[in-house]
Amino acid sequence: MAPRKPCNMKPKKSPIHSRQQAMFRIRLDSLVDMAHPLVKLAAKIDWPRLELELSAPFHEYKGAPAKPVRLMAGLHYLKHTYNLSDEVLVQRWVENPYWQFFCGCLFFEYGLPIHPTSMTRWRNLHGDKLKILLAATIDAGIDAQAITPKSLDKINVDTTVQEKAITYPTDAKLFHRMREKLVKLAARHRIALRQSYRRVSKSALVDSGRYFHARQARRAHRQIRKLKTYLRRVRNDISRKIAGHGSLECEFASFLAMADRLLMQRRDDKRKLYSLHAPEVECIAKGKAHKKYEFGNKASFAVTSREGFVVGAMGLHGNPFDGHTLAEQLLQAERLCGKKIAGDVFVDMGYRGHGYAGPARIHICGRGVKRRVVDKRLRKWRRRRAAIEPLIGHMKNDGRLGRNWLKGEQGDRTNVVLSACGQNLRLILARLVLFFRVFLAFFREIDALFRPDFRMAA
């Protein structure tokens, strides 16, 4: 089914280029320093392109005008550049005139730009089209000389795990929480249950944790079996009492299906249920010594080998083999950069057997590759393959990739793309800050050279 269009008119264009004046209001272009890196960055992003691409879902004339695209896109850029939540972002936006200028405001604003929930609705409305935000950062990086078109000839590709914001899954917690959900839903529809097991279920949950802590596994598993029995009894009781009531059966269908899936799954099953509010979560083992299992989804990144600039970012589901994602990742990088990827691509040993048959030359780097077969000209670039690892660490710590709070599979894909946008903007800002400092130091030297020395004159 095609998504329903929102009841909003197309957003108005940003008033940043307007000459309209207002009494008792401060124009931002007279308040901020026009040499500030964030102001320079705002001039390098192709805002008209974003307005053209992201205004398509709205009606031409129906409804109230939506918020400007530059405002919403700028807020998402700032959110993942400075690692802020939606609520904190809009509060700090009011305090920072540079952020307001970056988002296209003409005058200094004293109120919140939007309600924080508007960020969620805007992300869900555009979905996968938000890749245009990543493409805009790539163009801005080339314009700011953070990367060059020649940098796309050497690319590193790797995958990581984007962890979901869920508690560590255990059978005891899942059985107890599923029973709670069914009991609450039954009470909402005024269905009288034979027994809710509220008190004994909570006691069994606490006891199972205590027994596991004391290394008494048999007693702990006995409590887990009790929790499973309580869930089964509540599930069967509800199923009997809603039989023949079509409306109630529709209301309980998804919850009963989730309870059945939870009761039927076994230890060695492939597609297990690890979270009730995020059933898309997968268990992924990347061979880490400090973290054997991670719960979330895979994320693939393509970055330039020299600068570490992200030119491709994808959220993947189904825990695919790394090698099978290589062709799709390079294809996405070609679309975002507007250039054919036909140079050298460096990957780790996890991509052996990738089966890629495109024009790019794939180099598998690792200890298993014999040094005598390695070209001396590529030896330096093969060692640079590991540079993608700290880059992924920065996105996890500084770009909200380490713990994803967005809902559903679409939220997983969106968070990966926006985290890549934040990483690119941090690199561009670092480049512009360097230019700004060099420019300032140069003029200080010139000023000191031509300034008369009053002490000598005295």
Protein backbone atom coordinates (compact mmCIF):
# COMPACT_ATOMS: atom_id res chain seq x y z
CA MET A 1 0.00 0.00 0.00
CA ALA A 2 1.37 3.40 -0.97
CA PRO A 3 1.99 5.80 1.94
CA ARG A 4 -0.74 8.40 2.42
CA LYS A 5 0.27 11.96 1.69
CA PRO A 6 0.33 14.25 4.71
CA CYS A 7 -2.30 16.95 5.00
CA ASN A 8 0.26 19.74 4.69
CA MET A 9 1.11 22.20 1.98
CA LYS A 10 4.62 22.28 0.60
CA PRO A 11 7.02 24.08 2.96
CA LYS A 12 7.90 27.69 2.38
CA LYS A 13 11.37 28.55 1.20
CA SER A 14 13.95 29.67 3.72
CA PRO A 15 13.87 33.47 4.37
CA ILE A 16 17.66 33.72 4.64
CA HIS A 17 17.98 35.75 1.42
CA SER A 18 15.05 38.04 2.15
CA ARG A 19 15.65 41.79 2.50
CA GLN A 20 12.57 42.34 4.62
CA GLN A 21 13.29 44.27 7.82
CA ALA A 22 11.51 44.13 11.16
CA MET A 23 11.54 46.67 13.94
CA PHE A 24 13.04 45.59 17.27
CA ARG A 25 14.38 42.33 15.79
CA ILE A 26 18.04 41.47 15.31
CA ARG A 27 19.21 40.24 11.93
CA LEU A 28 21.49 37.24 12.26
CA ASP A 29 23.85 38.35 9.49
CA SER A 30 24.67 41.41 11.61
CA LEU A 31 24.99 39.37 14.82
CA VAL A 32 27.18 36.40 13.83
CA ASP A 33 30.77 36.37 12.60
CA MET A 34 30.58 35.65 8.86
CA ALA A 35 34.02 33.99 9.03
CA HIS A 36 32.81 31.42 11.55
CA PRO A 37 33.24 27.79 10.29
CA LEU A 38 29.54 27.00 10.76
CA VAL A 39 28.58 30.02 8.66
CA LYS A 40 31.05 28.96 5.98
CA LEU A 41 29.63 25.44 6.06
CA ALA A 42 26.09 26.75 5.57
CA ALA A 43 27.21 28.46 2.37
CA LYS A 44 28.67 25.24 0.96
CA ILE A 45 25.58 23.01 1.35
CA ASP A 46 23.25 22.92 -1.64
CA TRP A 47 20.04 23.87 0.18
CA PRO A 48 17.95 24.44 -3.00
CA ARG A 49 18.62 20.86 -4.04
CA LEU A 50 17.45 19.57 -0.68
CA GLU A 51 14.31 21.72 -0.85
CA LEU A 52 13.52 20.35 -4.30
CA GLU A 53 14.05 16.69 -3.34
CA LEU A 54 12.41 16.73 0.10
CA SER A 55 9.31 18.76 -0.80
CA ALA A 56 7.82 16.04 -3.01
CA PRO A 57 5.65 14.27 -0.35
CA PHE A 58 3.64 17.42 0.39
CA HIS A 59 0.52 18.72 -1.33
CA GLU A 60 0.61 21.70 -3.64
CA TYR A 61 -2.23 23.61 -2.01
CA LYS A 62 -3.91 21.48 0.70
CA GLY A 63 -3.35 22.06 4.41
CA ALA A 64 -1.15 24.38 6.41
CA PRO A 65 2.40 25.06 5.16
CA ALA A 66 4.98 22.64 6.51
CA LYS A 67 8.19 23.72 8.20
CA PRO A 68 10.99 24.82 5.82
CA VAL A 69 13.14 21.99 4.52
CA ARG A 70 16.30 23.87 5.43
CA LEU A 71 15.17 24.15 9.04
CA MET A 72 14.39 20.44 9.38
CA ALA A 73 17.45 19.25 7.45
CA GLY A 74 19.69 21.63 9.39
CA LEU A 75 18.33 20.39 12.70
CA HIS A 76 19.12 16.79 11.74
CA TYR A 77 22.61 17.80 10.65
CA LEU A 78 23.22 19.52 13.99
CA LYS A 79 21.69 16.64 15.95
CA HIS A 80 24.18 14.07 14.64
CA THR A 81 27.12 16.47 14.42
CA TYR A 82 26.95 17.36 18.11
CA ASN A 83 25.36 14.10 19.40
CA LEU A 84 22.16 15.55 20.87
CA SER A 85 18.67 14.24 21.43
CA ASP A 86 15.66 15.89 19.78
CA GLU A 87 14.61 17.60 23.00
CA VAL A 88 18.05 18.99 23.88
CA LEU A 89 18.64 20.04 20.28
CA VAL A 90 15.65 22.37 20.01
CA GLN A 91 16.44 23.88 23.43
CA ARG A 92 20.03 24.69 22.52
CA TRP A 93 18.94 25.95 19.12
CA VAL A 94 17.25 28.90 20.82
CA GLU A 95 20.49 29.81 22.62
CA ASN A 96 22.83 29.60 19.62
CA PRO A 97 22.59 32.25 16.85
CA TYR A 98 25.02 30.30 14.67
CA TRP A 99 22.72 27.28 14.68
CA GLN A 100 19.79 29.52 13.75
CA PHE A 101 21.78 31.02 10.87
CA PHE A 102 22.78 27.52 9.73
CA CYS A 103 19.10 26.49 9.65
CA GLY A 104 18.15 29.46 7.46
CA CYS A 105 16.64 31.92 9.92
CA LEU A 106 16.75 35.61 9.05
CA PHE A 107 16.21 37.07 12.53
CA PHE A 108 17.23 35.86 15.98
CA GLU A 109 14.42 33.67 17.34
CA TYR A 110 13.42 33.54 21.01
CA GLY A 111 11.10 30.54 20.88
CA LEU A 112 11.44 26.85 20.05
CA PRO A 113 11.53 26.27 16.28
CA ILE A 114 9.42 23.09 16.40
CA HIS A 115 8.09 20.55 18.84
CA PRO A 116 10.64 17.74 19.29
CA THR A 117 8.16 15.14 18.00
CA SER A 118 8.16 16.90 14.61
CA MET A 119 11.67 15.52 14.08
CA THR A 120 10.32 11.98 14.30
CA ARG A 121 7.43 12.65 11.93
CA TRP A 122 9.74 14.29 9.40
CA ARG A 123 12.14 11.33 9.45
CA ASN A 124 9.33 8.82 9.06
CA LEU A 125 7.80 10.83 6.21
CA HIS A 126 10.91 10.83 4.02
CA GLY A 127 12.41 7.46 4.98
CA ASP A 128 15.12 6.30 2.58
CA LYS A 129 15.03 9.62 0.71
CA LEU A 130 17.18 11.07 3.49
CA LYS A 131 20.20 9.67 1.64
CA ILE A 132 20.10 12.98 -0.21
CA LEU A 133 21.40 14.56 3.02
CA LEU A 134 24.51 12.37 2.80
CA ALA A 135 24.98 13.24 -0.87
CA ALA A 136 24.81 16.94 0.03
CA THR A 137 27.59 16.52 2.61
CA ILE A 138 29.79 14.83 -0.02
CA ASP A 139 29.32 17.77 -2.39
CA ALA A 140 30.02 20.18 0.47
CA GLY A 141 33.19 18.26 1.34
CA ILE A 142 34.47 18.59 -2.23
CA ASP A 143 33.61 22.31 -2.23
CA ALA A 144 35.41 22.81 1.10
CA GLN A 145 38.43 20.81 -0.16
CA ALA A 146 38.00 18.27 2.63
CA ILE A 147 38.18 15.66 -0.13
CA THR A 148 38.97 15.74 -3.84
CA PRO A 149 37.36 13.80 -6.70
CA LYS A 150 40.59 11.80 -6.93
CA SER A 151 40.01 10.57 -3.36
CA LEU A 152 37.23 8.32 -4.67
CA ASP A 153 39.84 6.15 -6.40
CA LYS A 154 40.88 4.64 -3.05
CA ILE A 155 38.01 3.47 -0.80
CA ASN A 156 37.79 1.40 2.38
CA VAL A 157 34.67 -0.68 3.06
CA ASP A 158 33.73 -2.34 6.33
CA THR A 159 30.69 -3.37 8.38
CA THR A 160 29.83 -2.92 12.03
CA VAL A 161 26.90 -3.53 14.37
CA GLN A 162 24.48 -0.74 15.22
CA GLU A 163 23.12 -1.70 18.61
CA LYS A 164 19.46 -1.06 19.38
CA ALA A 165 18.30 0.69 22.54
CA ILE A 166 17.00 -2.44 24.27
CA THR A 167 17.75 -4.20 27.51
CA TYR A 168 19.91 -7.31 27.40
CA PRO A 169 17.47 -10.06 26.37
CA THR A 170 16.89 -13.03 28.67
CA ASP A 171 14.12 -15.62 28.61
CA ALA A 172 12.93 -14.62 32.07
CA LYS A 173 12.53 -10.93 31.19
CA LEU A 174 10.82 -11.68 27.87
CA PHE A 175 8.28 -14.09 29.39
CA HIS A 176 7.50 -11.69 32.24
CA ARG A 177 7.16 -8.65 29.98
CA MET A 178 4.97 -10.46 27.44
CA ARG A 179 2.60 -11.58 30.20
CA GLU A 180 2.41 -8.00 31.48
CA LYS A 181 1.48 -6.69 28.02
CA LEU A 182 -1.29 -9.27 27.60
CA VAL A 183 -2.72 -8.57 31.06
CA LYS A 184 -2.75 -4.80 30.48
CA LEU A 185 -4.41 -5.18 27.08
CA ALA A 186 -7.06 -7.48 28.58
CA ALA A 187 -7.78 -4.97 31.34
CA ARG A 188 -8.12 -2.20 28.74
CA HIS A 189 -10.80 -4.20 26.92
CA ARG A 190 -12.43 -5.30 30.20
CA ILE A 191 -11.71 -8.99 29.78
CA ALA A 192 -11.82 -10.78 33.14
CA LEU A 193 -8.94 -13.25 33.40
CA ARG A 194 -8.90 -16.28 35.66
CA GLN A 195 -5.58 -15.14 37.09
CA SER A 196 -3.08 -12.43 36.14
CA TYR A 197 -0.02 -14.00 37.89
CA ARG A 198 1.25 -10.50 38.60
CA ARG A 199 2.73 -11.23 42.04
CA VAL A 200 4.14 -14.72 41.47
CA SER A 201 5.59 -13.77 38.07
CA LYS A 202 7.52 -10.86 39.52
CA SER A 203 8.79 -13.06 42.34
CA ALA A 204 9.95 -15.74 39.87
CA LEU A 205 11.74 -13.11 37.78
CA VAL A 206 13.67 -11.82 40.80
CA ASP A 207 14.51 -15.32 42.01
CA SER A 208 15.84 -16.41 38.61
CA GLY A 209 18.31 -13.51 38.59
CA ARG A 210 19.42 -14.30 42.14
CA TYR A 211 19.95 -17.98 41.39
CA PHE A 212 21.99 -17.24 38.27
CA HIS A 213 24.13 -14.83 40.28
CA ALA A 214 24.72 -17.58 42.87
CA ARG A 215 25.62 -20.08 40.08
CA GLN A 216 22.57 -22.21 40.89
CA ALA A 217 21.47 -22.89 37.32
CA ARG A 218 18.94 -25.61 38.09
CA ARG A 219 16.93 -23.43 40.43
CA ALA A 220 17.14 -20.52 37.97
CA HIS A 221 15.83 -22.62 35.08
CA ARG A 222 13.01 -23.86 37.30
CA GLN A 223 11.88 -20.26 37.79
CA ILE A 224 12.11 -19.60 34.04
CA ARG A 225 9.86 -22.58 33.38
CA LYS A 226 7.36 -21.11 35.83
CA LEU A 227 7.41 -17.78 33.97
CA LYS A 228 6.82 -19.60 30.70
CA THR A 229 3.88 -21.47 32.22
CA TYR A 230 2.33 -18.23 33.49
CA LEU A 231 2.58 -16.70 30.03
CA ARG A 232 1.04 -19.75 28.37
CA ARG A 233 -1.89 -19.81 30.78
CA VAL A 234 -2.65 -16.10 30.26
CA ARG A 235 -2.33 -16.49 26.51
CA ASN A 236 -4.73 -19.48 26.41
CA ASP A 237 -7.22 -17.75 28.73
CA ILE A 238 -7.37 -14.67 26.49
CA SER A 239 -7.63 -16.77 23.35
CA ARG A 240 -10.66 -18.64 24.71
CA LYS A 241 -12.49 -15.50 25.80
CA ILE A 242 -12.06 -13.51 22.59
CA ALA A 243 -13.01 -16.39 20.29
CA GLY A 244 -15.85 -15.31 17.99
CA HIS A 245 -15.39 -11.59 18.63
CA GLY A 246 -13.93 -10.19 15.43
CA SER A 247 -12.93 -6.80 16.77
CA LEU A 248 -11.17 -8.26 19.81
CA GLU A 249 -9.41 -10.87 17.71
CA CYS A 250 -7.99 -8.09 15.53
CA GLU A 251 -6.85 -6.14 18.59
CA PHE A 252 -5.07 -9.13 20.14
CA ALA A 253 -3.74 -10.69 16.91
CA SER A 254 -0.27 -9.13 16.94
CA PHE A 255 0.23 -9.68 20.69
CA LEU A 256 -0.89 -13.31 20.58
CA ALA A 257 1.33 -13.95 17.55
CA MET A 258 4.28 -12.48 19.44
CA ALA A 259 3.48 -14.62 22.48
CA ASP A 260 3.29 -17.75 20.31
CA ARG A 261 6.61 -16.89 18.71
CA LEU A 262 8.16 -16.43 22.13
CA LEU A 263 6.76 -19.69 23.48
CA MET A 264 7.80 -21.71 20.42
CA GLN A 265 11.34 -20.47 19.92
CA ARG A 266 14.23 -22.66 20.95
CA ARG A 267 17.86 -22.00 21.79
CA ASP A 268 19.25 -22.87 18.35
CA ASP A 269 16.62 -21.05 16.27
CA LYS A 270 17.88 -18.51 13.73
CA ARG A 271 15.19 -15.80 13.81
CA LYS A 272 14.52 -15.41 17.52
CA LEU A 273 12.58 -12.68 19.26
CA TYR A 274 14.90 -10.57 21.42
CA SER A 275 12.75 -7.54 22.17
CA LEU A 276 9.00 -6.96 22.33
CA HIS A 277 9.06 -3.28 21.33
CA ALA A 278 11.73 -3.87 18.64
CA PRO A 279 11.09 -7.31 17.11
CA GLU A 280 13.46 -6.54 14.21
CA VAL A 281 16.51 -6.81 16.50
CA GLU A 282 19.04 -9.49 15.52
CA CYS A 283 21.79 -11.20 17.51
CA ILE A 284 25.15 -10.66 15.80
CA ALA A 285 28.50 -12.11 16.85
CA LYS A 286 31.51 -10.23 15.43
CA GLY A 287 34.15 -12.17 17.36
CA LYS A 288 34.89 -9.42 19.90
CA ALA A 289 36.57 -10.59 23.07
CA HIS A 290 34.88 -8.01 25.29
CA LYS A 291 31.43 -8.31 23.71
CA LYS A 292 30.52 -11.74 22.38
CA TYR A 293 27.00 -10.85 21.20
CA GLU A 294 25.53 -7.56 20.03
CA PHE A 295 21.82 -6.93 19.48
CA GLY A 296 20.81 -4.66 16.65
CA ASN A 297 21.52 -4.70 12.92
CA LYS A 298 24.51 -4.57 10.62
CA ALA A 299 25.68 -1.30 9.09
CA SER A 300 28.00 -1.00 6.09
CA PHE A 301 30.20 2.02 5.39
CA ALA A 302 32.38 3.13 2.48
CA VAL A 303 34.95 5.85 3.25
CA THR A 304 37.79 7.45 1.35
CA SER A 305 41.09 5.84 2.25
CA ARG A 306 43.05 9.08 2.56
CA GLU A 307 40.70 11.41 4.46
CA GLY A 308 38.19 9.00 6.04
CA PHE A 309 35.24 10.82 4.46
CA VAL A 310 32.04 8.73 4.36
CA VAL A 311 30.76 8.24 0.79
CA GLY A 312 28.34 5.37 1.50
CA ALA A 313 26.28 4.20 4.48
CA MET A 314 23.68 1.44 4.60
CA GLY A 315 21.63 -0.23 7.31
CA LEU A 316 21.32 -3.98 6.67
CA HIS A 317 18.88 -6.52 8.10
CA GLY A 318 18.94 -10.30 8.14
CA ASN A 319 22.59 -10.45 9.30
CA PRO A 320 23.99 -10.87 5.75
CA PHE A 321 27.48 -12.12 4.95
CA ASP A 322 29.85 -9.16 4.62
CA GLY A 323 30.99 -10.16 1.15
CA HIS A 324 27.44 -10.22 -0.19
CA THR A 325 26.98 -6.55 0.76
CA LEU A 326 30.00 -5.26 -1.16
CA ALA A 327 28.35 -4.81 -4.56
CA GLU A 328 25.34 -3.00 -3.11
CA GLN A 329 27.56 -0.73 -1.02
CA LEU A 330 29.70 0.30 -4.00
CA LEU A 331 26.57 0.91 -6.07
CA GLN A 332 25.20 3.22 -3.39
CA ALA A 333 28.53 5.10 -3.24
CA GLU A 334 28.37 5.63 -7.00
CA ARG A 335 24.85 7.07 -6.75
CA LEU A 336 25.73 9.42 -3.90
CA CYS A 337 29.01 10.65 -5.41
CA GLY A 338 27.83 10.77 -9.01
CA LYS A 339 31.00 9.05 -10.12
CA LYS A 340 31.83 5.51 -11.20
CA ILE A 341 33.78 3.58 -8.56
CA ALA A 342 36.47 1.92 -10.67
CA GLY A 343 39.56 2.32 -8.48
CA ASP A 344 40.93 0.29 -5.57
CA VAL A 345 38.63 -0.93 -2.78
CA PHE A 346 40.23 -2.24 0.40
CA VAL A 347 38.35 -4.68 2.67
CA ASP A 348 39.25 -7.02 5.52
CA MET A 349 39.36 -10.80 5.64
CA GLY A 350 35.63 -11.00 6.31
CA TYR A 351 34.96 -10.22 2.63
CA ARG A 352 36.64 -13.36 1.25
CA GLY A 353 34.38 -14.95 -1.33
CA HIS A 354 32.54 -11.71 -2.06
CA GLY A 355 31.75 -12.57 -5.67
CA TYR A 356 31.95 -8.95 -6.83
CA ALA A 357 32.33 -8.68 -10.61
CA GLY A 358 32.32 -4.91 -11.12
CA PRO A 359 35.00 -2.58 -12.48
CA ALA A 360 36.56 -1.83 -9.07
CA ARG A 361 39.65 -3.75 -7.93
CA ILE A 362 39.02 -5.46 -4.60
CA HIS A 363 41.99 -5.87 -2.24
CA ILE A 364 41.53 -8.18 0.76
CA CYS A 365 43.89 -7.03 3.51
CA GLY A 366 45.02 -9.04 6.50
CA ARG A 367 47.65 -11.33 7.88
CA GLY A 368 46.60 -14.15 5.59
CA VAL A 369 47.82 -12.29 2.47
CA LYS A 370 51.41 -13.10 1.58
CA ARG A 371 53.66 -10.09 1.37
CA ARG A 372 55.54 -11.31 -1.71
CA VAL A 373 52.43 -11.06 -3.87
CA VAL A 374 51.63 -7.54 -2.73
CA ASP A 375 52.46 -4.68 -5.07
CA LYS A 376 54.83 -2.21 -3.38
CA ARG A 377 52.76 0.73 -4.61
CA LEU A 378 49.67 -0.63 -2.84
CA ARG A 379 51.35 -1.67 0.38
CA LYS A 380 50.78 1.72 1.99
CA TRP A 381 47.13 1.79 0.97
CA ARG A 382 46.59 -1.75 2.25
CA ARG A 383 47.85 -0.67 5.65
CA ARG A 384 45.44 2.29 5.50
CA ARG A 385 42.50 -0.14 5.46
CA ALA A 386 42.51 -0.21 9.26
CA ALA A 387 41.86 3.56 9.34
CA ILE A 388 38.13 2.86 8.96
CA GLU A 389 37.99 1.24 12.41
CA PRO A 390 38.56 4.40 14.52
CA LEU A 391 36.25 6.26 12.13
CA ILE A 392 33.44 3.85 13.01
CA GLY A 393 34.32 4.35 16.67
CA HIS A 394 33.91 8.13 16.28
CA MET A 395 30.50 7.66 14.68
CA LYS A 396 29.43 5.43 17.56
CA ASN A 397 30.67 7.76 20.29
CA ASP A 398 30.00 11.15 18.68
CA GLY A 399 27.35 10.51 16.01
CA ARG A 400 24.66 8.42 17.79
CA LEU A 401 25.55 5.20 15.97
CA GLY A 402 26.48 3.33 19.14
CA ARG A 403 22.88 3.11 20.44
CA ASN A 404 19.99 3.53 18.05
CA TRP A 405 16.79 4.99 19.52
CA LEU A 406 14.78 5.20 16.29
CA LYS A 407 11.89 2.80 15.79
CA GLY A 408 11.66 -0.07 13.31
CA GLU A 409 13.79 -1.17 10.40
CA GLN A 410 13.30 2.21 8.74
CA GLY A 411 14.69 3.87 11.86
CA ASP A 412 17.76 1.62 11.68
CA ARG A 413 18.51 2.65 8.11
CA THR A 414 17.84 6.32 8.82
CA ASN A 415 20.13 6.44 11.85
CA VAL A 416 23.03 4.94 9.87
CA VAL A 417 22.72 7.57 7.13
CA LEU A 418 22.39 10.49 9.54
CA SER A 419 25.36 9.28 11.60
CA ALA A 420 27.44 9.33 8.42
CA CYS A 421 26.22 12.88 7.73
CA GLY A 422 27.33 13.98 11.19
CA GLN A 423 30.79 12.46 10.69
CA ASN A 424 31.25 14.25 7.36
CA LEU A 425 30.17 17.58 8.81
CA ARG A 426 32.64 17.23 11.68
CA LEU A 427 35.44 16.65 9.17
CA ILE A 428 34.39 19.66 7.09
CA LEU A 429 34.16 21.86 10.19
CA ALA A 430 37.62 20.73 11.28
CA ARG A 431 38.93 21.71 7.86
CA LEU A 432 37.24 25.10 7.97
CA VAL A 433 38.48 25.72 11.52
CA LEU A 434 42.03 25.05 10.31
CA PHE A 435 41.63 27.54 7.47
CA PHE A 436 40.14 30.07 9.88
CA ARG A 437 43.08 29.76 12.30
CA VAL A 438 45.66 30.04 9.53
CA PHE A 439 43.84 33.05 8.10
CA LEU A 440 43.71 34.72 11.54
CA ALA A 441 47.38 34.00 12.29
CA PHE A 442 48.41 35.45 8.92
CA PHE A 443 46.63 38.75 9.54
CA ARG A 444 48.03 38.94 13.06
CA GLU A 445 51.52 38.73 11.63
CA ILE A 446 50.74 41.38 9.04
CA ASP A 447 49.25 43.62 11.73
CA ALA A 448 52.29 43.18 13.95
CA LEU A 449 54.63 43.89 11.04
CA PHE A 450 53.08 47.24 10.11
CA ARG A 451 52.02 48.39 13.58
CA PRO A 452 54.35 51.15 14.90
CA ASP A 453 56.32 50.29 18.00
CA PHE A 454 55.40 53.00 20.50
CA ARG A 455 57.94 51.85 23.02
CA MET A 456 60.84 52.57 20.65
CA ALA A 457 59.36 55.96 19.78
CA ALA A 458 59.21 56.85 23.46
